[in-house]
Amino acid sequence: MLFAILLWADDAKPAVEQTTPPWATFLPLIAIFIVFYFLMIRPAQKRERNAREMINNSLKKNVEIVTSGGIIGTVTHIKENGEEVTIRIDDTAKMRILRSSIVRILTPGEDEKITEK
């Protein structure tokens, strides 16, 4: 009975107009997306672009590289289309890899640091 009275009392209240515009409810969600874009997505894209440019510009013969699988080798041949690279792992072993699997180009002193660990 008390529940019925409360429902009747809610219906008796005058209707109050909504004072906030409908788009204002989405404002926090839009703000979160903008912050997420500038703090997470944009810097990651910039790092990826810089890494790709570095690999594309400085990849040539006799350069030591690291692949995404952790293989360290020296570039011996780059195919004409530029997508396939042949690397020498040791004196007798060679491997064909895709250019997109190259993660880093090693400097001369950096190779000793990796092999010592």
PDB file of N, CA and C in Angstrom:
ATOM      1  N   MET A   1       0.812  -1.179   0.000  1.00  0.00           N
ATOM      2  CA  MET A   1       0.000   0.000   0.000  1.00  0.00           C
ATOM      3  C   MET A   1       0.871   1.266   0.000  1.00  0.00           C
ATOM      4  N   LEU A   2       1.910   1.226   0.800  1.00  0.00           N
ATOM      5  CA  LEU A   2       2.824   2.357   0.862  1.00  0.00           C
ATOM      6  C   LEU A   2       3.480   2.577  -0.501  1.00  0.00           C
ATOM      7  N   PHE A   3       3.804   1.459  -1.181  1.00  0.00           N
ATOM      8  CA  PHE A   3       4.418   1.551  -2.506  1.00  0.00           C
ATOM      9  C   PHE A   3       3.476   2.236  -3.503  1.00  0.00           C
ATOM     10  N   ALA A   4       2.190   1.926  -3.439  1.00  0.00           N
ATOM     11  CA  ALA A   4       1.208   2.535  -4.331  1.00  0.00           C
ATOM     12  C   ALA A   4       1.091   4.035  -4.057  1.00  0.00           C
ATOM     13  N   ILE A   5       1.187   4.422  -2.792  1.00  0.00           N
ATOM     14  CA  ILE A   5       1.105   5.844  -2.456  1.00  0.00           C
ATOM     15  C   ILE A   5       2.335   6.583  -2.983  1.00  0.00           C
ATOM     16  N   LEU A   6       3.498   5.954  -2.867  1.00  0.00           N
ATOM     17  CA  LEU A   6       4.715   6.580  -3.371  1.00  0.00           C
ATOM     18  C   LEU A   6       4.663   6.745  -4.885  1.00  0.00           C
ATOM     19  N   LEU A   7       4.148   5.750  -5.591  1.00  0.00           N
ATOM     20  CA  LEU A   7       4.006   5.865  -7.037  1.00  0.00           C
ATOM     21  C   LEU A   7       3.041   6.982  -7.395  1.00  0.00           C
ATOM     22  N   TRP A   8       1.936   7.074  -6.654  1.00  0.00           N
ATOM     23  CA  TRP A   8       0.969   8.123  -6.912  1.00  0.00           C
ATOM     24  C   TRP A   8       1.569   9.502  -6.623  1.00  0.00           C
ATOM     25  N   ALA A   9       2.412   9.602  -5.596  1.00  0.00           N
ATOM     26  CA  ALA A   9       3.042  10.871  -5.251  1.00  0.00           C
ATOM     27  C   ALA A   9       4.042  11.282  -6.334  1.00  0.00           C
ATOM     28  N   ASP A  10       4.775  10.298  -6.909  1.00  0.00           N
ATOM     29  CA  ASP A  10       5.705  10.607  -7.991  1.00  0.00           C
ATOM     30  C   ASP A  10       4.967  11.103  -9.226  1.00  0.00           C
ATOM     31  N   ASP A  11       3.815  10.545  -9.496  1.00  0.00           N
ATOM     32  CA  ASP A  11       3.041  10.989 -10.660  1.00  0.00           C
ATOM     33  C   ASP A  11       2.463  12.387 -10.445  1.00  0.00           C
ATOM     34  N   ALA A  12       2.234  12.752  -9.208  1.00  0.00           N
ATOM     35  CA  ALA A  12       1.621  14.040  -8.915  1.00  0.00           C
ATOM     36  C   ALA A  12       2.623  15.190  -9.027  1.00  0.00           C
ATOM     37  N   LYS A  13       3.929  14.879  -9.033  1.00  0.00           N
ATOM     38  CA  LYS A  13       4.929  15.941  -9.122  1.00  0.00           C
ATOM     39  C   LYS A  13       4.847  16.616 -10.485  1.00  0.00           C
ATOM     40  N   PRO A  14       5.029  17.907 -10.507  1.00  0.00           N
ATOM     41  CA  PRO A  14       5.022  18.587 -11.812  1.00  0.00           C
ATOM     42  C   PRO A  14       6.271  18.203 -12.611  1.00  0.00           C
ATOM     43  N   ALA A  15       6.120  18.123 -13.898  1.00  0.00           N
ATOM     44  CA  ALA A  15       7.241  17.759 -14.776  1.00  0.00           C
ATOM     45  C   ALA A  15       8.224  18.926 -14.838  1.00  0.00           C
ATOM     46  N   VAL A  16       9.496  18.617 -14.590  1.00  0.00           N
ATOM     47  CA  VAL A  16      10.540  19.629 -14.640  1.00  0.00           C
ATOM     48  C   VAL A  16      11.278  19.460 -15.954  1.00  0.00           C
ATOM     49  N   GLU A  17      11.463  20.559 -16.633  1.00  0.00           N
ATOM     50  CA  GLU A  17      12.172  20.480 -17.908  1.00  0.00           C
ATOM     51  C   GLU A  17      13.636  20.184 -17.665  1.00  0.00           C
ATOM     52  N   GLN A  18      14.206  19.454 -18.596  1.00  0.00           N
ATOM     53  CA  GLN A  18      15.625  19.128 -18.492  1.00  0.00           C
ATOM     54  C   GLN A  18      16.440  20.376 -18.822  1.00  0.00           C
ATOM     55  N   THR A  19      17.333  20.748 -17.907  1.00  0.00           N
ATOM     56  CA  THR A  19      18.081  21.983 -18.104  1.00  0.00           C
ATOM     57  C   THR A  19      19.374  21.762 -18.893  1.00  0.00           C
ATOM     58  N   THR A  20      19.875  20.558 -18.919  1.00  0.00           N
ATOM     59  CA  THR A  20      21.110  20.302 -19.675  1.00  0.00           C
ATOM     60  C   THR A  20      20.760  19.846 -21.084  1.00  0.00           C
ATOM     61  N   PRO A  21      21.521  20.283 -22.054  1.00  0.00           N
ATOM     62  CA  PRO A  21      21.254  19.842 -23.424  1.00  0.00           C
ATOM     63  C   PRO A  21      21.598  18.351 -23.586  1.00  0.00           C
ATOM     64  N   PRO A  22      20.980  17.689 -24.540  1.00  0.00           N
ATOM     65  CA  PRO A  22      21.199  16.245 -24.694  1.00  0.00           C
ATOM     66  C   PRO A  22      22.646  15.877 -25.039  1.00  0.00           C
ATOM     67  N   TRP A  23      23.363  16.736 -25.735  1.00  0.00           N
ATOM     68  CA  TRP A  23      24.739  16.410 -26.118  1.00  0.00           C
ATOM     69  C   TRP A  23      25.690  16.481 -24.932  1.00  0.00           C
ATOM     70  N   ALA A  24      25.285  17.134 -23.864  1.00  0.00           N
ATOM     71  CA  ALA A  24      26.149  17.283 -22.688  1.00  0.00           C
ATOM     72  C   ALA A  24      26.383  15.959 -21.969  1.00  0.00           C
ATOM     73  N   THR A  25      25.486  15.019 -22.143  1.00  0.00           N
ATOM     74  CA  THR A  25      25.697  13.718 -21.507  1.00  0.00           C
ATOM     75  C   THR A  25      26.834  12.943 -22.159  1.00  0.00           C
ATOM     76  N   PHE A  26      27.134  13.246 -23.415  1.00  0.00           N
ATOM     77  CA  PHE A  26      28.230  12.575 -24.121  1.00  0.00           C
ATOM     78  C   PHE A  26      29.562  13.307 -23.961  1.00  0.00           C
ATOM     79  N   LEU A  27      29.542  14.480 -23.352  1.00  0.00           N
ATOM     80  CA  LEU A  27      30.757  15.277 -23.211  1.00  0.00           C
ATOM     81  C   LEU A  27      31.872  14.559 -22.448  1.00  0.00           C
ATOM     82  N   PRO A  28      31.617  13.896 -21.325  1.00  0.00           N
ATOM     83  CA  PRO A  28      32.707  13.175 -20.642  1.00  0.00           C
ATOM     84  C   PRO A  28      33.291  12.048 -21.496  1.00  0.00           C
ATOM     85  N   LEU A  29      32.455  11.351 -22.231  1.00  0.00           N
ATOM     86  CA  LEU A  29      32.934  10.275 -23.103  1.00  0.00           C
ATOM     87  C   LEU A  29      33.816  10.826 -24.216  1.00  0.00           C
ATOM     88  N   ILE A  30      33.423  11.945 -24.776  1.00  0.00           N
ATOM     89  CA  ILE A  30      34.228  12.580 -25.828  1.00  0.00           C
ATOM     90  C   ILE A  30      35.554  13.060 -25.253  1.00  0.00           C
ATOM     91  N   ALA A  31      35.531  13.626 -24.058  1.00  0.00           N
ATOM     92  CA  ALA A  31      36.766  14.097 -23.418  1.00  0.00           C
ATOM     93  C   ALA A  31      37.716  12.940 -23.131  1.00  0.00           C
ATOM     94  N   ILE A  32      37.195  11.820 -22.670  1.00  0.00           N
ATOM     95  CA  ILE A  32      38.032  10.639 -22.414  1.00  0.00           C
ATOM     96  C   ILE A  32      38.658  10.152 -23.708  1.00  0.00           C
ATOM     97  N   PHE A  33      37.910  10.115 -24.789  1.00  0.00           N
ATOM     98  CA  PHE A  33      38.455   9.670 -26.071  1.00  0.00           C
ATOM     99  C   PHE A  33      39.567  10.605 -26.547  1.00  0.00           C
ATOM    100  N   ILE A  34      39.379  11.908 -26.402  1.00  0.00           N
ATOM    101  CA  ILE A  34      40.406  12.868 -26.837  1.00  0.00           C
ATOM    102  C   ILE A  34      41.685  12.700 -26.022  1.00  0.00           C
ATOM    103  N   VAL A  35      41.547  12.559 -24.720  1.00  0.00           N
ATOM    104  CA  VAL A  35      42.725  12.355 -23.867  1.00  0.00           C
ATOM    105  C   VAL A  35      43.420  11.046 -24.227  1.00  0.00           C
ATOM    106  N   PHE A  36      42.656   9.983 -24.431  1.00  0.00           N
ATOM    107  CA  PHE A  36      43.212   8.685 -24.813  1.00  0.00           C
ATOM    108  C   PHE A  36      43.962   8.790 -26.138  1.00  0.00           C
ATOM    109  N   TYR A  37      43.417   9.525 -27.090  1.00  0.00           N
ATOM    110  CA  TYR A  37      44.065   9.682 -28.391  1.00  0.00           C
ATOM    111  C   TYR A  37      45.415  10.388 -28.252  1.00  0.00           C
ATOM    112  N   PHE A  38      45.444  11.502 -27.514  1.00  0.00           N
ATOM    113  CA  PHE A  38      46.681  12.279 -27.413  1.00  0.00           C
ATOM    114  C   PHE A  38      47.721  11.645 -26.503  1.00  0.00           C
ATOM    115  N   LEU A  39      47.311  10.822 -25.549  1.00  0.00           N
ATOM    116  CA  LEU A  39      48.277  10.205 -24.644  1.00  0.00           C
ATOM    117  C   LEU A  39      48.711   8.801 -25.066  1.00  0.00           C
ATOM    118  N   MET A  40      47.902   8.097 -25.844  1.00  0.00           N
ATOM    119  CA  MET A  40      48.223   6.710 -26.175  1.00  0.00           C
ATOM    120  C   MET A  40      48.394   6.468 -27.681  1.00  0.00           C
ATOM    121  N   ILE A  41      47.421   6.803 -28.466  1.00  0.00           N
ATOM    122  CA  ILE A  41      47.418   6.431 -29.883  1.00  0.00           C
ATOM    123  C   ILE A  41      48.417   7.253 -30.683  1.00  0.00           C
ATOM    124  N   ARG A  42      48.385   8.559 -30.541  1.00  0.00           N
ATOM    125  CA  ARG A  42      49.240   9.429 -31.349  1.00  0.00           C
ATOM    126  C   ARG A  42      50.731   9.202 -31.102  1.00  0.00           C
ATOM    127  N   PRO A  43      51.203   9.106 -29.845  1.00  0.00           N
ATOM    128  CA  PRO A  43      52.634   8.834 -29.637  1.00  0.00           C
ATOM    129  C   PRO A  43      53.064   7.466 -30.166  1.00  0.00           C
ATOM    130  N   ALA A  44      52.203   6.468 -30.068  1.00  0.00           N
ATOM    131  CA  ALA A  44      52.548   5.143 -30.596  1.00  0.00           C
ATOM    132  C   ALA A  44      52.682   5.187 -32.113  1.00  0.00           C
ATOM    133  N   GLN A  45      51.799   5.908 -32.784  1.00  0.00           N
ATOM    134  CA  GLN A  45      51.904   6.038 -34.234  1.00  0.00           C
ATOM    135  C   GLN A  45      53.177   6.777 -34.630  1.00  0.00           C
ATOM    136  N   LYS A  46      53.544   7.790 -33.853  1.00  0.00           N
ATOM    137  CA  LYS A  46      54.754   8.550 -34.153  1.00  0.00           C
ATOM    138  C   LYS A  46      55.996   7.683 -33.983  1.00  0.00           C
ATOM    139  N   ARG A  47      56.058   6.885 -32.900  1.00  0.00           N
ATOM    140  CA  ARG A  47      57.190   5.976 -32.689  1.00  0.00           C
ATOM    141  C   ARG A  47      57.288   4.960 -33.812  1.00  0.00           C
ATOM    142  N   GLU A  48      56.163   4.401 -34.220  1.00  0.00           N
ATOM    143  CA  GLU A  48      56.145   3.407 -35.303  1.00  0.00           C
ATOM    144  C   GLU A  48      56.630   4.028 -36.615  1.00  0.00           C
ATOM    145  N   ARG A  49      56.167   5.225 -36.921  1.00  0.00           N
ATOM    146  CA  ARG A  49      56.576   5.901 -38.152  1.00  0.00           C
ATOM    147  C   ARG A  49      58.069   6.194 -38.140  1.00  0.00           C
ATOM    148  N   ASN A  50      58.600   6.665 -37.004  1.00  0.00           N
ATOM    149  CA  ASN A  50      60.032   6.943 -36.910  1.00  0.00           C
ATOM    150  C   ASN A  50      60.868   5.676 -37.047  1.00  0.00           C
ATOM    151  N   ALA A  51      60.420   4.584 -36.455  1.00  0.00           N
ATOM    152  CA  ALA A  51      61.152   3.317 -36.564  1.00  0.00           C
ATOM    153  C   ALA A  51      61.152   2.819 -38.008  1.00  0.00           C
ATOM    154  N   ARG A  52      60.013   2.895 -38.684  1.00  0.00           N
ATOM    155  CA  ARG A  52      59.934   2.459 -40.085  1.00  0.00           C
ATOM    156  C   ARG A  52      60.841   3.315 -40.972  1.00  0.00           C
ATOM    157  N   GLU A  53      60.842   4.634 -40.753  1.00  0.00           N
ATOM    158  CA  GLU A  53      61.696   5.518 -41.557  1.00  0.00           C
ATOM    159  C   GLU A  53      63.165   5.213 -41.324  1.00  0.00           C
ATOM    160  N   MET A  54      63.531   4.942 -40.067  1.00  0.00           N
ATOM    161  CA  MET A  54      64.915   4.619 -39.757  1.00  0.00           C
ATOM    162  C   MET A  54      65.340   3.332 -40.448  1.00  0.00           C
ATOM    163  N   ILE A  55      64.490   2.329 -40.408  1.00  0.00           N
ATOM    164  CA  ILE A  55      64.822   1.051 -41.046  1.00  0.00           C
ATOM    165  C   ILE A  55      64.869   1.206 -42.563  1.00  0.00           C
ATOM    166  N   ASN A  56      63.935   1.924 -43.140  1.00  0.00           N
ATOM    167  CA  ASN A  56      63.924   2.103 -44.594  1.00  0.00           C
ATOM    168  C   ASN A  56      65.115   2.905 -45.089  1.00  0.00           C
ATOM    169  N   ASN A  57      65.556   3.895 -44.323  1.00  0.00           N
ATOM    170  CA  ASN A  57      66.641   4.762 -44.774  1.00  0.00           C
ATOM    171  C   ASN A  57      68.025   4.175 -44.538  1.00  0.00           C
ATOM    172  N   SER A  58      68.219   3.407 -43.474  1.00  0.00           N
ATOM    173  CA  SER A  58      69.566   2.955 -43.149  1.00  0.00           C
ATOM    174  C   SER A  58      69.787   1.464 -43.363  1.00  0.00           C
ATOM    175  N   LEU A  59      68.841   0.762 -43.980  1.00  0.00           N
ATOM    176  CA  LEU A  59      69.030  -0.662 -44.250  1.00  0.00           C
ATOM    177  C   LEU A  59      69.816  -0.823 -45.541  1.00  0.00           C
ATOM    178  N   LYS A  60      71.010  -1.372 -45.424  1.00  0.00           N
ATOM    179  CA  LYS A  60      71.845  -1.644 -46.593  1.00  0.00           C
ATOM    180  C   LYS A  60      72.729  -2.844 -46.281  1.00  0.00           C
ATOM    181  N   LYS A  61      73.567  -3.204 -47.209  1.00  0.00           N
ATOM    182  CA  LYS A  61      74.429  -4.367 -47.070  1.00  0.00           C
ATOM    183  C   LYS A  61      75.412  -4.176 -45.917  1.00  0.00           C
ATOM    184  N   ASN A  62      75.749  -5.286 -45.237  1.00  0.00           N
ATOM    185  CA  ASN A  62      76.714  -5.349 -44.138  1.00  0.00           C
ATOM    186  C   ASN A  62      76.281  -4.568 -42.893  1.00  0.00           C
ATOM    187  N   VAL A  63      74.992  -4.402 -42.703  1.00  0.00           N
ATOM    188  CA  VAL A  63      74.467  -3.762 -41.504  1.00  0.00           C
ATOM    189  C   VAL A  63      73.900  -4.851 -40.612  1.00  0.00           C
ATOM    190  N   GLU A  64      74.203  -4.803 -39.315  1.00  0.00           N
ATOM    191  CA  GLU A  64      73.675  -5.798 -38.395  1.00  0.00           C
ATOM    192  C   GLU A  64      72.282  -5.390 -37.928  1.00  0.00           C
ATOM    193  N   ILE A  65      71.383  -6.384 -37.891  1.00  0.00           N
ATOM    194  CA  ILE A  65      69.989  -6.122 -37.543  1.00  0.00           C
ATOM    195  C   ILE A  65      69.515  -7.119 -36.495  1.00  0.00           C
ATOM    196  N   VAL A  66      68.374  -6.813 -35.899  1.00  0.00           N
ATOM    197  CA  VAL A  66      67.668  -7.728 -35.005  1.00  0.00           C
ATOM    198  C   VAL A  66      66.266  -7.894 -35.564  1.00  0.00           C
ATOM    199  N   THR A  67      65.817  -9.144 -35.680  1.00  0.00           N
ATOM    200  CA  THR A  67      64.468  -9.403 -36.186  1.00  0.00           C
ATOM    201  C   THR A  67      63.479  -9.445 -35.027  1.00  0.00           C
ATOM    202  N   SER A  68      62.211  -9.504 -35.361  1.00  0.00           N
ATOM    203  CA  SER A  68      61.180  -9.562 -34.329  1.00  0.00           C
ATOM    204  C   SER A  68      61.239 -10.867 -33.545  1.00  0.00           C
ATOM    205  N   GLY A  69      61.861 -11.899 -34.111  1.00  0.00           N
ATOM    206  CA  GLY A  69      62.036 -13.166 -33.411  1.00  0.00           C
ATOM    207  C   GLY A  69      63.282 -13.203 -32.552  1.00  0.00           C
ATOM    208  N   GLY A  70      64.075 -12.130 -32.550  1.00  0.00           N
ATOM    209  CA  GLY A  70      65.270 -12.061 -31.732  1.00  0.00           C
ATOM    210  C   GLY A  70      66.523 -12.566 -32.425  1.00  0.00           C
ATOM    211  N   ILE A  71      66.466 -12.810 -33.719  1.00  0.00           N
ATOM    212  CA  ILE A  71      67.626 -13.291 -34.471  1.00  0.00           C
ATOM    213  C   ILE A  71      68.503 -12.104 -34.843  1.00  0.00           C
ATOM    214  N   ILE A  72      69.788 -12.227 -34.560  1.00  0.00           N
ATOM    215  CA  ILE A  72      70.751 -11.186 -34.893  1.00  0.00           C
ATOM    216  C   ILE A  72      71.523 -11.653 -36.108  1.00  0.00           C
ATOM    217  N   GLY A  73      71.583 -10.820 -37.138  1.00  0.00           N
ATOM    218  CA  GLY A  73      72.291 -11.185 -38.354  1.00  0.00           C
ATOM    219  C   GLY A  73      72.784  -9.974 -39.107  1.00  0.00           C
ATOM    220  N   THR A  74      73.545 -10.247 -40.170  1.00  0.00           N
ATOM    221  CA  THR A  74      74.103  -9.194 -41.011  1.00  0.00           C
ATOM    222  C   THR A  74      73.442  -9.267 -42.381  1.00  0.00           C
ATOM    223  N   VAL A  75      73.005  -8.136 -42.901  1.00  0.00           N
ATOM    224  CA  VAL A  75      72.335  -8.088 -44.200  1.00  0.00           C
ATOM    225  C   VAL A  75      73.353  -8.411 -45.292  1.00  0.00           C
ATOM    226  N   THR A  76      73.016  -9.387 -46.148  1.00  0.00           N
ATOM    227  CA  THR A  76      73.896  -9.727 -47.267  1.00  0.00           C
ATOM    228  C   THR A  76      73.286  -9.341 -48.606  1.00  0.00           C
ATOM    229  N   HIS A  77      71.952  -9.317 -48.675  1.00  0.00           N
ATOM    230  CA  HIS A  77      71.312  -9.018 -49.956  1.00  0.00           C
ATOM    231  C   HIS A  77      69.911  -8.456 -49.698  1.00  0.00           C
ATOM    232  N   ILE A  78      69.535  -7.438 -50.469  1.00  0.00           N
ATOM    233  CA  ILE A  78      68.183  -6.879 -50.427  1.00  0.00           C
ATOM    234  C   ILE A  78      67.583  -7.072 -51.811  1.00  0.00           C
ATOM    235  N   LYS A  79      66.444  -7.747 -51.889  1.00  0.00           N
ATOM    236  CA  LYS A  79      65.808  -8.004 -53.174  1.00  0.00           C
ATOM    237  C   LYS A  79      65.347  -6.714 -53.838  1.00  0.00           C
ATOM    238  N   GLU A  80      65.137  -6.769 -55.147  1.00  0.00           N
ATOM    239  CA  GLU A  80      64.770  -5.577 -55.913  1.00  0.00           C
ATOM    240  C   GLU A  80      63.493  -4.920 -55.399  1.00  0.00           C
ATOM    241  N   ASN A  81      62.503  -5.733 -55.041  1.00  0.00           N
ATOM    242  CA  ASN A  81      61.249  -5.148 -54.563  1.00  0.00           C
ATOM    243  C   ASN A  81      61.390  -4.549 -53.163  1.00  0.00           C
ATOM    244  N   GLY A  82      62.467  -4.883 -52.472  1.00  0.00           N
ATOM    245  CA  GLY A  82      62.747  -4.300 -51.178  1.00  0.00           C
ATOM    246  C   GLY A  82      62.036  -4.952 -50.015  1.00  0.00           C
ATOM    247  N   GLU A  83      61.163  -5.906 -50.258  1.00  0.00           N
ATOM    248  CA  GLU A  83      60.413  -6.544 -49.183  1.00  0.00           C
ATOM    249  C   GLU A  83      61.148  -7.741 -48.589  1.00  0.00           C
ATOM    250  N   GLU A  84      62.056  -8.339 -49.334  1.00  0.00           N
ATOM    251  CA  GLU A  84      62.744  -9.533 -48.862  1.00  0.00           C
ATOM    252  C   GLU A  84      64.225  -9.224 -48.671  1.00  0.00           C
ATOM    253  N   VAL A  85      64.750  -9.643 -47.529  1.00  0.00           N
ATOM    254  CA  VAL A  85      66.137  -9.382 -47.167  1.00  0.00           C
ATOM    255  C   VAL A  85      66.786 -10.711 -46.806  1.00  0.00           C
ATOM    256  N   THR A  86      68.020 -10.929 -47.259  1.00  0.00           N
ATOM    257  CA  THR A  86      68.780 -12.114 -46.874  1.00  0.00           C
ATOM    258  C   THR A  86      69.798 -11.690 -45.834  1.00  0.00           C
ATOM    259  N   ILE A  87      69.821 -12.434 -44.718  1.00  0.00           N
ATOM    260  CA  ILE A  87      70.781 -12.120 -43.661  1.00  0.00           C
ATOM    261  C   ILE A  87      71.683 -13.320 -43.410  1.00  0.00           C
ATOM    262  N   ARG A  88      72.900 -13.040 -42.957  1.00  0.00           N
ATOM    263  CA  ARG A  88      73.846 -14.082 -42.578  1.00  0.00           C
ATOM    264  C   ARG A  88      73.851 -14.129 -41.057  1.00  0.00           C
ATOM    265  N   ILE A  89      73.591 -15.330 -40.529  1.00  0.00           N
ATOM    266  CA  ILE A  89      73.521 -15.495 -39.081  1.00  0.00           C
ATOM    267  C   ILE A  89      74.900 -15.846 -38.521  1.00  0.00           C
ATOM    268  N   ASP A  90      75.581 -16.796 -39.158  1.00  0.00           N
ATOM    269  CA  ASP A  90      76.971 -17.093 -38.825  1.00  0.00           C
ATOM    270  C   ASP A  90      77.702 -17.379 -40.129  1.00  0.00           C
ATOM    271  N   ASP A  91      78.838 -18.052 -40.091  1.00  0.00           N
ATOM    272  CA  ASP A  91      79.640 -18.228 -41.297  1.00  0.00           C
ATOM    273  C   ASP A  91      78.924 -19.020 -42.391  1.00  0.00           C
ATOM    274  N   THR A  92      78.085 -19.979 -42.034  1.00  0.00           N
ATOM    275  CA  THR A  92      77.459 -20.835 -43.041  1.00  0.00           C
ATOM    276  C   THR A  92      75.949 -20.654 -43.154  1.00  0.00           C
ATOM    277  N   ALA A  93      75.301 -20.107 -42.174  1.00  0.00           N
ATOM    278  CA  ALA A  93      73.841 -20.037 -42.171  1.00  0.00           C
ATOM    279  C   ALA A  93      73.351 -18.698 -42.707  1.00  0.00           C
ATOM    280  N   LYS A  94      72.422 -18.787 -43.657  1.00  0.00           N
ATOM    281  CA  LYS A  94      71.760 -17.598 -44.201  1.00  0.00           C
ATOM    282  C   LYS A  94      70.260 -17.784 -44.057  1.00  0.00           C
ATOM    283  N   MET A  95      69.558 -16.669 -44.008  1.00  0.00           N
ATOM    284  CA  MET A  95      68.111 -16.728 -43.830  1.00  0.00           C
ATOM    285  C   MET A  95      67.466 -15.609 -44.628  1.00  0.00           C
ATOM    286  N   ARG A  96      66.339 -15.921 -45.262  1.00  0.00           N
ATOM    287  CA  ARG A  96      65.552 -14.900 -45.959  1.00  0.00           C
ATOM    288  C   ARG A  96      64.436 -14.461 -45.029  1.00  0.00           C
ATOM    289  N   ILE A  97      64.319 -13.169 -44.857  1.00  0.00           N
ATOM    290  CA  ILE A  97      63.280 -12.626 -43.983  1.00  0.00           C
ATOM    291  C   ILE A  97      62.562 -11.488 -44.696  1.00  0.00           C
ATOM    292  N   LEU A  98      61.432 -11.110 -44.172  1.00  0.00           N
ATOM    293  CA  LEU A  98      60.718  -9.947 -44.686  1.00  0.00           C
ATOM    294  C   LEU A  98      61.257  -8.690 -44.016  1.00  0.00           C
ATOM    295  N   ARG A  99      61.267  -7.624 -44.751  1.00  0.00           N
ATOM    296  CA  ARG A  99      61.748  -6.346 -44.226  1.00  0.00           C
ATOM    297  C   ARG A  99      60.902  -5.903 -43.028  1.00  0.00           C
ATOM    298  N   SER A 100      59.636  -6.236 -43.035  1.00  0.00           N
ATOM    299  CA  SER A 100      58.756  -5.822 -41.942  1.00  0.00           C
ATOM    300  C   SER A 100      59.078  -6.517 -40.629  1.00  0.00           C
ATOM    301  N   SER A 101      59.840  -7.608 -40.654  1.00  0.00           N
ATOM    302  CA  SER A 101      60.194  -8.299 -39.413  1.00  0.00           C
ATOM    303  C   SER A 101      61.452  -7.729 -38.773  1.00  0.00           C
ATOM    304  N   ILE A 102      62.089  -6.755 -39.392  1.00  0.00           N
ATOM    305  CA  ILE A 102      63.270  -6.119 -38.814  1.00  0.00           C
ATOM    306  C   ILE A 102      62.802  -5.110 -37.776  1.00  0.00           C
ATOM    307  N   VAL A 103      63.306  -5.282 -36.563  1.00  0.00           N
ATOM    308  CA  VAL A 103      62.893  -4.430 -35.461  1.00  0.00           C
ATOM    309  C   VAL A 103      63.893  -3.318 -35.209  1.00  0.00           C
ATOM    310  N   ARG A 104      65.188  -3.645 -35.301  1.00  0.00           N
ATOM    311  CA  ARG A 104      66.200  -2.674 -34.924  1.00  0.00           C
ATOM    312  C   ARG A 104      67.463  -2.880 -35.741  1.00  0.00           C
ATOM    313  N   ILE A 105      68.165  -1.805 -35.990  1.00  0.00           N
ATOM    314  CA  ILE A 105      69.473  -1.857 -36.636  1.00  0.00           C
ATOM    315  C   ILE A 105      70.508  -1.620 -35.548  1.00  0.00           C
ATOM    316  N   LEU A 106      71.468  -2.534 -35.440  1.00  0.00           N
ATOM    317  CA  LEU A 106      72.461  -2.459 -34.373  1.00  0.00           C
ATOM    318  C   LEU A 106      73.626  -1.565 -34.767  1.00  0.00           C
ATOM    319  N   THR A 107      74.103  -0.833 -33.798  1.00  0.00           N
ATOM    320  CA  THR A 107      75.339  -0.080 -33.985  1.00  0.00           C
ATOM    321  C   THR A 107      76.493  -1.000 -33.610  1.00  0.00           C
ATOM    322  N   PRO A 108      77.712  -0.704 -33.995  1.00  0.00           N
ATOM    323  CA  PRO A 108      78.821  -1.623 -33.725  1.00  0.00           C
ATOM    324  C   PRO A 108      79.007  -1.994 -32.252  1.00  0.00           C
ATOM    325  N   GLY A 109      78.863  -1.099 -31.319  1.00  0.00           N
ATOM    326  CA  GLY A 109      79.060  -1.414 -29.911  1.00  0.00           C
ATOM    327  C   GLY A 109      77.850  -2.108 -29.279  1.00  0.00           C
ATOM    328  N   GLU A 110      76.698  -1.969 -29.872  1.00  0.00           N
ATOM    329  CA  GLU A 110      75.473  -2.525 -29.300  1.00  0.00           C
ATOM    330  C   GLU A 110      75.426  -4.045 -29.440  1.00  0.00           C
ATOM    331  N   ASP A 111      76.079  -4.614 -30.453  1.00  0.00           N
ATOM    332  CA  ASP A 111      76.056  -6.042 -30.664  1.00  0.00           C
ATOM    333  C   ASP A 111      76.725  -6.788 -29.520  1.00  0.00           C
ATOM    334  N   GLU A 112      77.838  -6.280 -28.992  1.00  0.00           N
ATOM    335  CA  GLU A 112      78.513  -6.948 -27.877  1.00  0.00           C
ATOM    336  C   GLU A 112      77.667  -6.913 -26.626  1.00  0.00           C
ATOM    337  N   LYS A 113      76.909  -5.839 -26.402  1.00  0.00           N
ATOM    338  CA  LYS A 113      76.050  -5.743 -25.229  1.00  0.00           C
ATOM    339  C   LYS A 113      74.960  -6.791 -25.264  1.00  0.00           C
ATOM    340  N   ILE A 114      74.396  -7.058 -26.438  1.00  0.00           N
ATOM    341  CA  ILE A 114      73.308  -8.028 -26.553  1.00  0.00           C
ATOM    342  C   ILE A 114      73.832  -9.446 -26.344  1.00  0.00           C
ATOM    343  N   THR A 115      74.969  -9.790 -26.944  1.00  0.00           N
ATOM    344  CA  THR A 115      75.491 -11.150 -26.845  1.00  0.00           C
ATOM    345  C   THR A 115      76.036 -11.459 -25.459  1.00  0.00           C
ATOM    346  N   GLU A 116      76.460 -10.440 -24.688  1.00  0.00           N
ATOM    347  CA  GLU A 116      76.963 -10.681 -23.338  1.00  0.00           C
ATOM    348  C   GLU A 116      75.860 -11.010 -22.362  1.00  0.00           C
ATOM    349  N   LYS A 117      74.654 -10.547 -22.559  1.00  0.00           N
ATOM    350  CA  LYS A 117      73.542 -10.765 -21.629  1.00  0.00           C
ATOM    351  C   LYS A 117      73.103 -12.165 -21.617  1.00  0.00           C
TER     352      LYS A 117
END
